[in-house]
């Protein structure tokens, strides 16, 4: 659904200078993980991305030249 919405926004608003990018991240080490029925242990969290990693990805898409649109970005931890 998000991918389709992103494509629609880009098709409809491209002429107005609007660009949309759907970022699909893997596990991110945030306090939200503590709410899982079985929170990941420290070793699993150490392998996860950090919030600033995803922010850097978003900034990459934002800072590209205006002639470029990244519609989808799939980001996973190593």
N, C-alpha and C. Protein backbone atom coordinates (compact mmCIF):
# COMPACT_ATOMS: atom_id res chain seq x y z
N UNK A 1 0.81 -1.19 0.00
CA UNK A 1 0.00 0.00 0.00
C UNK A 1 0.86 1.26 0.00
N UNK A 2 1.90 1.25 0.83
CA UNK A 2 2.74 2.44 0.92
C UNK A 2 3.47 2.69 -0.40
N UNK A 3 3.92 1.63 -1.03
CA UNK A 3 4.62 1.77 -2.32
C UNK A 3 3.68 2.37 -3.36
N UNK A 4 2.45 1.92 -3.40
CA UNK A 4 1.47 2.45 -4.35
C UNK A 4 1.16 3.91 -4.08
N UNK A 5 1.02 4.27 -2.82
CA UNK A 5 0.76 5.66 -2.46
C UNK A 5 1.94 6.55 -2.89
N UNK A 6 3.14 6.07 -2.65
CA UNK A 6 4.33 6.82 -3.03
C UNK A 6 4.38 7.04 -4.54
N UNK A 7 4.09 5.99 -5.30
CA UNK A 7 4.08 6.11 -6.76
C UNK A 7 3.02 7.11 -7.22
N UNK A 8 1.85 7.07 -6.59
CA UNK A 8 0.78 8.00 -6.95
C UNK A 8 1.15 9.45 -6.66
N UNK A 9 1.74 9.67 -5.49
CA UNK A 9 2.17 11.03 -5.14
C UNK A 9 3.18 11.54 -6.16
N UNK A 10 4.13 10.70 -6.50
CA UNK A 10 5.15 11.13 -7.46
C UNK A 10 4.56 11.38 -8.84
N UNK A 11 3.61 10.57 -9.26
CA UNK A 11 2.98 10.77 -10.57
C UNK A 11 2.15 12.06 -10.61
N UNK A 12 1.42 12.31 -9.52
CA UNK A 12 0.51 13.45 -9.50
C UNK A 12 1.21 14.77 -9.17
N UNK A 13 2.24 14.72 -8.35
CA UNK A 13 2.84 15.96 -7.84
C UNK A 13 4.23 16.27 -8.40
N UNK A 14 4.71 15.44 -9.28
CA UNK A 14 6.04 15.64 -9.87
C UNK A 14 6.17 17.05 -10.45
N UNK A 15 5.16 17.50 -11.15
CA UNK A 15 5.18 18.83 -11.76
C UNK A 15 5.23 19.97 -10.75
N UNK A 16 4.86 19.69 -9.52
CA UNK A 16 4.87 20.71 -8.46
C UNK A 16 6.14 20.65 -7.62
N UNK A 17 7.09 19.80 -8.04
CA UNK A 17 8.35 19.70 -7.31
C UNK A 17 8.30 18.82 -6.07
N UNK A 18 7.21 18.06 -5.92
CA UNK A 18 7.07 17.18 -4.76
C UNK A 18 7.65 15.81 -5.11
N UNK A 19 8.45 15.27 -4.20
CA UNK A 19 9.01 13.93 -4.35
C UNK A 19 8.68 13.13 -3.10
N UNK A 20 8.26 11.90 -3.28
CA UNK A 20 7.96 11.02 -2.16
C UNK A 20 8.83 9.78 -2.25
N UNK A 21 9.26 9.29 -1.09
CA UNK A 21 10.08 8.09 -1.03
C UNK A 21 9.56 7.22 0.12
N UNK A 22 9.28 5.97 -0.18
CA UNK A 22 8.88 5.01 0.85
C UNK A 22 10.14 4.33 1.37
N UNK A 23 10.42 4.49 2.65
CA UNK A 23 11.58 3.85 3.27
C UNK A 23 11.10 2.62 4.02
N UNK A 24 11.66 1.48 3.65
CA UNK A 24 11.30 0.21 4.27
C UNK A 24 12.51 -0.30 5.06
N UNK A 25 12.59 0.04 6.34
CA UNK A 25 13.75 -0.37 7.13
C UNK A 25 13.55 -1.74 7.78
N UNK A 26 14.66 -2.38 8.05
CA UNK A 26 14.64 -3.61 8.85
C UNK A 26 14.57 -3.23 10.32
N UNK A 27 14.99 -4.13 11.18
CA UNK A 27 14.94 -3.87 12.62
C UNK A 27 15.83 -2.70 13.00
N UNK A 28 15.26 -1.84 13.85
CA UNK A 28 15.96 -0.67 14.34
C UNK A 28 15.96 -0.75 15.86
N UNK A 29 17.10 -0.54 16.46
CA UNK A 29 17.22 -0.60 17.91
C UNK A 29 16.64 0.66 18.54
N UNK A 30 15.38 0.58 18.94
CA UNK A 30 14.70 1.69 19.60
C UNK A 30 13.98 1.16 20.84
N UNK A 31 13.56 2.04 21.74
CA UNK A 31 12.82 1.60 22.92
C UNK A 31 11.52 0.86 22.58
N UNK A 32 11.00 1.06 21.38
CA UNK A 32 9.77 0.37 20.98
C UNK A 32 9.94 -1.15 21.04
N UNK A 33 11.14 -1.64 20.84
CA UNK A 33 11.38 -3.09 20.89
C UNK A 33 11.08 -3.68 22.26
N UNK A 34 11.15 -2.85 23.29
CA UNK A 34 10.85 -3.33 24.65
C UNK A 34 9.39 -3.72 24.82
N UNK A 35 8.53 -3.29 23.90
CA UNK A 35 7.11 -3.59 23.98
C UNK A 35 6.76 -4.92 23.31
N UNK A 36 7.72 -5.55 22.64
CA UNK A 36 7.47 -6.85 22.03
C UNK A 36 7.24 -7.89 23.13
N UNK A 37 6.45 -8.93 22.82
CA UNK A 37 6.25 -9.99 23.81
C UNK A 37 7.58 -10.61 24.28
N UNK A 38 8.53 -10.73 23.35
CA UNK A 38 9.87 -11.23 23.69
C UNK A 38 10.90 -10.25 23.12
N UNK A 39 11.25 -9.24 23.91
CA UNK A 39 12.22 -8.25 23.41
C UNK A 39 13.54 -8.92 23.02
N UNK A 40 14.20 -8.40 21.99
CA UNK A 40 15.48 -8.97 21.58
C UNK A 40 16.55 -8.75 22.65
N UNK A 41 17.49 -9.67 22.71
CA UNK A 41 18.58 -9.53 23.69
C UNK A 41 19.62 -8.54 23.18
N UNK A 42 20.63 -8.28 24.00
CA UNK A 42 21.65 -7.29 23.66
C UNK A 42 22.42 -7.66 22.40
N UNK A 43 22.68 -8.94 22.20
CA UNK A 43 23.43 -9.37 21.00
C UNK A 43 22.62 -9.08 19.74
N UNK A 44 21.32 -9.33 19.77
CA UNK A 44 20.47 -9.06 18.61
C UNK A 44 20.39 -7.56 18.36
N UNK A 45 20.26 -6.78 19.42
CA UNK A 45 20.18 -5.31 19.28
C UNK A 45 21.48 -4.74 18.70
N UNK A 46 22.60 -5.35 19.04
CA UNK A 46 23.89 -4.85 18.54
C UNK A 46 23.99 -5.01 17.02
N UNK A 47 23.25 -5.97 16.45
CA UNK A 47 23.27 -6.18 15.00
C UNK A 47 22.27 -5.30 14.27
N UNK A 48 21.37 -4.67 14.98
CA UNK A 48 20.32 -3.86 14.37
C UNK A 48 20.83 -2.48 13.97
N UNK A 49 20.06 -1.85 13.08
CA UNK A 49 20.37 -0.48 12.72
C UNK A 49 20.01 0.45 13.87
N UNK A 50 20.60 1.62 13.84
CA UNK A 50 20.29 2.67 14.81
C UNK A 50 19.37 3.68 14.11
N UNK A 51 18.58 4.43 14.88
CA UNK A 51 17.68 5.42 14.27
C UNK A 51 18.43 6.39 13.34
N UNK A 52 19.64 6.78 13.72
CA UNK A 52 20.38 7.72 12.88
C UNK A 52 20.78 7.10 11.53
N UNK A 53 20.88 5.78 11.46
CA UNK A 53 21.17 5.12 10.18
C UNK A 53 20.02 5.34 9.19
N UNK A 54 18.81 5.20 9.69
CA UNK A 54 17.63 5.39 8.84
C UNK A 54 17.48 6.87 8.48
N UNK A 55 17.79 7.74 9.43
CA UNK A 55 17.74 9.18 9.15
C UNK A 55 18.72 9.56 8.05
N UNK A 56 19.90 8.96 8.05
CA UNK A 56 20.88 9.22 6.99
C UNK A 56 20.35 8.78 5.63
N UNK A 57 19.64 7.67 5.60
CA UNK A 57 19.05 7.19 4.35
C UNK A 57 18.00 8.17 3.83
N UNK A 58 17.18 8.68 4.74
CA UNK A 58 16.16 9.65 4.34
C UNK A 58 16.83 10.92 3.82
N UNK A 59 17.88 11.37 4.50
CA UNK A 59 18.58 12.57 4.04
C UNK A 59 19.22 12.35 2.68
N UNK A 60 19.71 11.15 2.42
CA UNK A 60 20.27 10.85 1.09
C UNK A 60 19.22 11.11 0.02
N UNK A 61 18.02 10.59 0.23
CA UNK A 61 16.95 10.78 -0.76
C UNK A 61 16.55 12.24 -0.89
N UNK A 62 16.50 12.93 0.22
CA UNK A 62 16.10 14.34 0.22
C UNK A 62 17.13 15.21 -0.50
N UNK A 63 18.40 14.90 -0.31
CA UNK A 63 19.47 15.76 -0.83
C UNK A 63 19.89 15.43 -2.25
N UNK A 64 19.29 14.46 -2.89
CA UNK A 64 19.59 14.18 -4.29
C UNK A 64 19.11 15.33 -5.16
N UNK A 65 19.68 15.49 -6.34
CA UNK A 65 19.22 16.57 -7.23
C UNK A 65 17.72 16.45 -7.50
N UNK A 66 17.09 17.56 -7.76
CA UNK A 66 15.64 17.58 -7.96
C UNK A 66 15.18 16.77 -9.17
N UNK A 67 16.09 16.44 -10.06
CA UNK A 67 15.73 15.63 -11.23
C UNK A 67 15.66 14.14 -10.91
N UNK A 68 15.97 13.77 -9.66
CA UNK A 68 16.03 12.36 -9.24
C UNK A 68 14.93 12.07 -8.22
N UNK A 69 14.26 10.93 -8.40
CA UNK A 69 13.28 10.46 -7.41
C UNK A 69 13.64 9.03 -7.03
N UNK A 70 13.83 8.80 -5.75
CA UNK A 70 13.98 7.44 -5.23
C UNK A 70 12.61 7.09 -4.66
N UNK A 71 11.89 6.22 -5.34
CA UNK A 71 10.53 5.92 -4.89
C UNK A 71 10.49 4.93 -3.73
N UNK A 72 11.45 4.01 -3.70
CA UNK A 72 11.49 3.02 -2.62
C UNK A 72 12.93 2.81 -2.18
N UNK A 73 13.10 2.69 -0.88
CA UNK A 73 14.43 2.43 -0.33
C UNK A 73 14.29 1.32 0.70
N UNK A 74 14.87 0.17 0.41
CA UNK A 74 14.85 -0.99 1.30
C UNK A 74 16.18 -1.00 2.04
N UNK A 75 16.13 -0.90 3.36
CA UNK A 75 17.34 -0.79 4.17
C UNK A 75 17.33 -1.89 5.22
N UNK A 76 18.40 -2.66 5.25
CA UNK A 76 18.51 -3.76 6.21
C UNK A 76 19.84 -3.69 6.92
N UNK A 77 19.91 -4.20 8.14
CA UNK A 77 21.21 -4.26 8.81
C UNK A 77 22.13 -5.28 8.14
N UNK A 78 23.41 -5.11 8.31
CA UNK A 78 24.37 -6.05 7.72
C UNK A 78 24.31 -7.37 8.36
